[in-house]
Protein backbone atom coordinates (compact mmCIF):
# COMPACT_ATOMS: atom_id res chain seq x y z
CA MET A 1 -6.83 27.76 23.87
CA SER A 2 -5.97 31.36 23.05
CA LEU A 3 -7.90 33.06 25.83
CA PRO A 4 -6.76 34.22 29.29
CA GLU A 5 -7.77 31.58 31.82
CA HIS A 6 -9.70 34.01 34.01
CA LEU A 7 -11.82 35.07 31.01
CA PHE A 8 -12.54 31.43 30.21
CA ASP A 9 -13.66 30.86 33.80
CA ARG A 10 -15.84 33.97 33.80
CA TYR A 11 -17.46 32.97 30.52
CA GLN A 12 -18.35 29.61 32.05
CA ARG A 13 -19.86 31.43 35.02
CA PHE A 14 -21.88 33.65 32.66
CA LYS A 15 -23.07 30.69 30.58
CA PHE A 16 -24.34 28.65 33.51
CA ARG A 17 -25.42 31.33 35.99
CA HIS A 18 -26.75 34.12 33.77
CA PHE A 19 -27.42 32.89 30.25
CA ALA A 20 -29.06 29.65 31.38
CA GLN A 21 -31.56 31.66 33.44
CA ASN A 22 -32.35 34.07 30.61
CA THR A 23 -32.38 31.87 27.52
CA GLU A 24 -35.76 33.16 26.36
CA HIS A 25 -34.54 36.77 26.52
CA TYR A 26 -31.41 35.98 24.49
CA GLN A 27 -33.39 33.94 21.97
CA ASN A 28 -35.77 36.86 21.49
CA LEU A 29 -32.82 39.21 20.91
CA ALA A 30 -31.32 36.77 18.40
CA GLU A 31 -34.56 36.39 16.45
CA HIS A 32 -35.97 39.91 16.58
CA GLY A 33 -32.88 42.09 16.96
CA GLN A 34 -32.30 44.99 19.30
CA SER A 35 -34.56 47.94 20.05
CA PRO A 36 -32.92 50.06 22.76
CA ASP A 37 -34.31 53.54 23.26
CA VAL A 38 -31.10 54.88 24.86
CA MET A 39 -27.65 55.37 23.38
CA ILE A 40 -24.78 55.99 25.80
CA VAL A 41 -21.43 57.47 24.82
CA SER A 42 -19.08 56.41 27.59
CA CYS A 43 -15.36 56.21 28.29
CA SER A 44 -13.35 53.07 27.57
CA ASP A 45 -12.10 53.16 31.17
CA SER A 46 -12.53 49.70 32.72
CA ARG A 47 -13.84 51.22 35.96
CA VAL A 48 -16.93 52.72 34.33
CA ASP A 49 -19.39 50.25 32.84
CA PRO A 50 -22.72 51.75 31.72
CA GLU A 51 -24.59 48.44 31.83
CA THR A 52 -23.53 47.90 35.43
CA ILE A 53 -24.25 51.47 36.53
CA PHE A 54 -27.75 51.41 35.04
CA SER A 55 -28.45 47.73 35.85
CA ALA A 56 -29.15 47.04 32.19
CA MET A 57 -29.84 43.72 30.54
CA PRO A 58 -28.49 42.93 27.04
CA GLY A 59 -30.53 44.77 24.41
CA GLU A 60 -31.48 47.70 26.65
CA LEU A 61 -28.60 50.12 25.95
CA PHE A 62 -26.71 50.93 22.76
CA VAL A 63 -23.24 51.78 24.05
CA VAL A 64 -20.27 53.39 22.33
CA ARG A 65 -17.07 53.65 24.34
CA ASN A 66 -13.93 55.61 23.50
CA VAL A 67 -11.20 57.62 25.20
CA ALA A 68 -12.84 60.32 27.35
CA ASN A 69 -16.37 59.69 25.99
CA LEU A 70 -15.97 62.19 23.17
CA VAL A 71 -18.26 62.83 20.23
CA PRO A 72 -16.40 64.47 17.32
CA PRO A 73 -18.10 67.24 15.37
CA PHE A 74 -19.90 66.33 12.15
CA GLU A 75 -17.59 66.21 9.14
CA THR A 76 -17.36 64.04 6.04
CA GLY A 77 -13.63 64.21 5.35
CA GLY A 78 -11.10 61.60 6.40
CA GLN A 79 -11.66 57.88 6.07
CA TYR A 80 -12.91 56.31 9.29
CA HIS A 81 -15.64 57.56 11.59
CA GLY A 82 -16.40 54.94 14.22
CA VAL A 83 -18.28 57.15 16.66
CA SER A 84 -20.13 58.98 13.90
CA ALA A 85 -21.16 55.69 12.28
CA ALA A 86 -22.48 54.35 15.58
CA LEU A 87 -24.34 57.59 16.19
CA GLU A 88 -25.90 57.53 12.73
CA PHE A 89 -26.99 53.91 13.19
CA ALA A 90 -28.49 54.57 16.61
CA VAL A 91 -30.42 57.65 15.51
CA LEU A 92 -31.57 56.63 12.03
CA ASN A 93 -31.87 52.84 12.30
CA LEU A 94 -32.56 52.10 15.95
CA LYS A 95 -34.41 55.40 16.39
CA VAL A 96 -33.21 55.88 19.96
CA LYS A 97 -35.06 58.52 21.96
CA HIS A 98 -32.20 59.51 24.25
CA ILE A 99 -28.45 60.00 23.90
CA VAL A 100 -26.47 60.17 27.14
CA VAL A 101 -22.86 61.36 27.17
CA MET A 102 -21.40 59.97 30.40
CA GLY A 103 -18.03 61.08 31.72
CA HIS A 104 -16.38 60.05 34.96
CA SER A 105 -13.93 61.01 37.67
CA SER A 106 -10.15 60.48 37.30
CA CYS A 107 -10.42 60.18 33.51
CA GLY A 108 -7.00 59.53 31.97
CA GLY A 109 -8.00 61.03 28.63
CA ILE A 110 -9.04 64.25 30.34
CA THR A 111 -5.74 64.27 32.23
CA ALA A 112 -3.98 64.00 28.88
CA ALA A 113 -5.96 66.93 27.51
CA LEU A 114 -5.33 69.03 30.60
CA HIS A 115 -1.72 68.21 31.41
CA GLY A 116 -0.41 66.08 28.55
CA SER A 117 0.74 63.34 30.94
CA ALA A 118 -1.03 60.37 29.33
CA ALA A 119 0.14 61.30 25.82
CA GLU A 120 3.76 61.43 26.98
CA GLU A 121 3.59 57.74 27.87
CA THR A 122 2.82 56.77 24.27
CA GLU A 123 4.29 57.51 20.87
CA ASP A 124 1.77 60.34 20.84
CA ARG A 125 0.22 59.44 17.51
CA PHE A 126 -3.41 59.16 18.46
CA ILE A 127 -4.19 60.38 21.99
CA SER A 128 -3.11 63.99 21.58
CA LYS A 129 -4.95 64.28 18.24
CA TRP A 130 -8.12 62.79 19.68
CA MET A 131 -7.99 64.96 22.79
CA SER A 132 -7.35 68.10 20.71
CA MET A 133 -11.13 68.27 20.40
CA LEU A 134 -11.02 69.80 23.87
CA ASP A 135 -8.37 72.45 23.15
CA GLU A 136 -10.92 75.28 23.15
CA ALA A 137 -12.57 74.01 26.33
CA LYS A 138 -9.16 73.76 27.99
CA SER A 139 -8.34 77.37 27.05
CA ARG A 140 -11.66 78.61 28.42
CA LEU A 141 -11.17 76.67 31.63
CA LYS A 142 -7.69 78.04 32.27
CA MET A 143 -8.88 81.57 31.55
CA ALA A 144 -11.74 81.11 34.02
CA HIS A 145 -9.40 79.75 36.71
CA PRO A 146 -6.12 81.65 36.36
CA GLY A 147 -3.41 80.53 38.74
CA VAL A 148 -5.46 77.67 40.23
CA ALA A 149 -3.07 75.05 41.59
CA ASP A 150 -5.69 72.49 42.64
CA LYS A 151 -5.39 69.85 39.95
CA ARG A 152 -8.42 67.98 41.26
CA LEU A 153 -10.65 71.01 40.71
CA LEU A 154 -9.35 71.55 37.19
CA GLN A 155 -9.66 67.83 36.42
CA LYS A 156 -13.33 67.71 37.44
CA GLU A 157 -14.18 70.93 35.62
CA MET A 158 -12.42 69.60 32.50
CA GLU A 159 -14.38 66.35 32.75
CA TYR A 160 -17.58 68.41 32.83
CA ALA A 161 -16.33 70.51 29.90
CA GLY A 162 -15.66 67.38 27.85
CA ILE A 163 -19.24 66.21 28.32
CA LYS A 164 -20.63 69.61 27.34
CA THR A 165 -18.37 69.72 24.27
CA SER A 166 -19.61 66.30 23.15
CA ILE A 167 -23.24 67.38 23.53
CA ASP A 168 -22.53 70.53 21.50
CA ASN A 169 -20.84 68.36 18.86
CA LEU A 170 -23.87 66.05 18.75
CA ARG A 171 -25.95 69.01 17.62
CA THR A 172 -23.67 69.50 14.59
CA PHE A 173 -25.06 66.25 13.13
CA PRO A 174 -28.05 67.13 10.92
CA CYS A 175 -30.05 64.05 11.93
CA VAL A 176 -29.56 64.77 15.64
CA LYS A 177 -30.35 68.47 15.32
CA SER A 178 -33.50 67.80 13.32
CA LEU A 179 -34.89 65.13 15.64
CA GLU A 180 -34.09 67.13 18.76
CA GLU A 181 -35.91 70.15 17.35
CA LYS A 182 -38.92 67.94 16.60
CA GLY A 183 -38.93 66.63 20.18
CA ARG A 184 -38.17 63.06 19.10
CA LEU A 185 -34.66 62.94 20.58
CA GLU A 186 -33.28 64.17 23.90
CA LEU A 187 -29.62 64.77 24.74
CA HIS A 188 -28.29 64.27 28.26
CA GLY A 189 -25.01 64.78 30.08
CA ALA A 190 -23.94 62.66 33.04
CA HIS A 191 -20.85 62.33 35.23
CA PHE A 192 -20.07 59.29 37.39
CA ASP A 193 -17.88 59.64 40.49
CA ILE A 194 -16.15 56.26 40.76
CA GLY A 195 -15.17 56.44 44.43
CA ALA A 196 -18.51 57.78 45.65
CA GLY A 197 -20.76 55.88 43.26
CA MET A 198 -22.49 59.19 42.60
CA LEU A 199 -24.12 60.18 39.31
CA SER A 200 -24.53 63.86 38.42
CA ILE A 201 -26.77 65.07 35.62
CA LEU A 202 -26.29 68.15 33.44
CA ASP A 203 -28.99 70.79 33.79
CA HIS A 204 -29.22 72.21 30.28
CA GLY A 205 -30.64 75.51 31.45
CA SER A 206 -27.89 76.39 33.94
CA ARG A 207 -25.19 74.18 32.34
CA VAL A 208 -24.46 72.93 35.86
CA PHE A 209 -24.11 69.28 36.95
CA ARG A 210 -26.34 68.24 39.86
CA GLU A 211 -26.13 65.03 41.90
CA ILE A 212 -29.13 62.73 41.86
């Protein structure tokens, strides 16, 4: 069978230990569809799983994952808009009440944006273009911290900047802007420290992340 053996074994474990104990829940999802009230934009990084972090059951979170948890600005050119399509579906069809942009520590995409190291390991066709969304944030960060040699500090600040940029970009979507102004949609920023298991939340007033 064309499936890694360890995935086959883990599926069997899921089927008999988890699914078998929640058949009614899955049947309800199959018959009535999903109705999550939270959308999460998270990184594709295998170390950061929103469902695990928030102890969510299937059907509770609408999750979109991509490199560095970025939301592109609203635009109708080009051909393919995976994140934008998911966002539109969540807001207009599922009518989610919250959108959470969740970044994390040691993000490879952010490292690529900050230092270019991840892009150099590829043919550089997609990563550098995708991460160019943070070019302005990178410039502001380096102007605010001239001569800083501590890469860990710059990395964390850039991770925060990426989350803030995505939230700003969310507000360029007419449907998001309209619903937020009407009080029917709330935008949130979060940052997960992998090693510490710590979640920090963006305070919109001060634009500062605070641990919870």
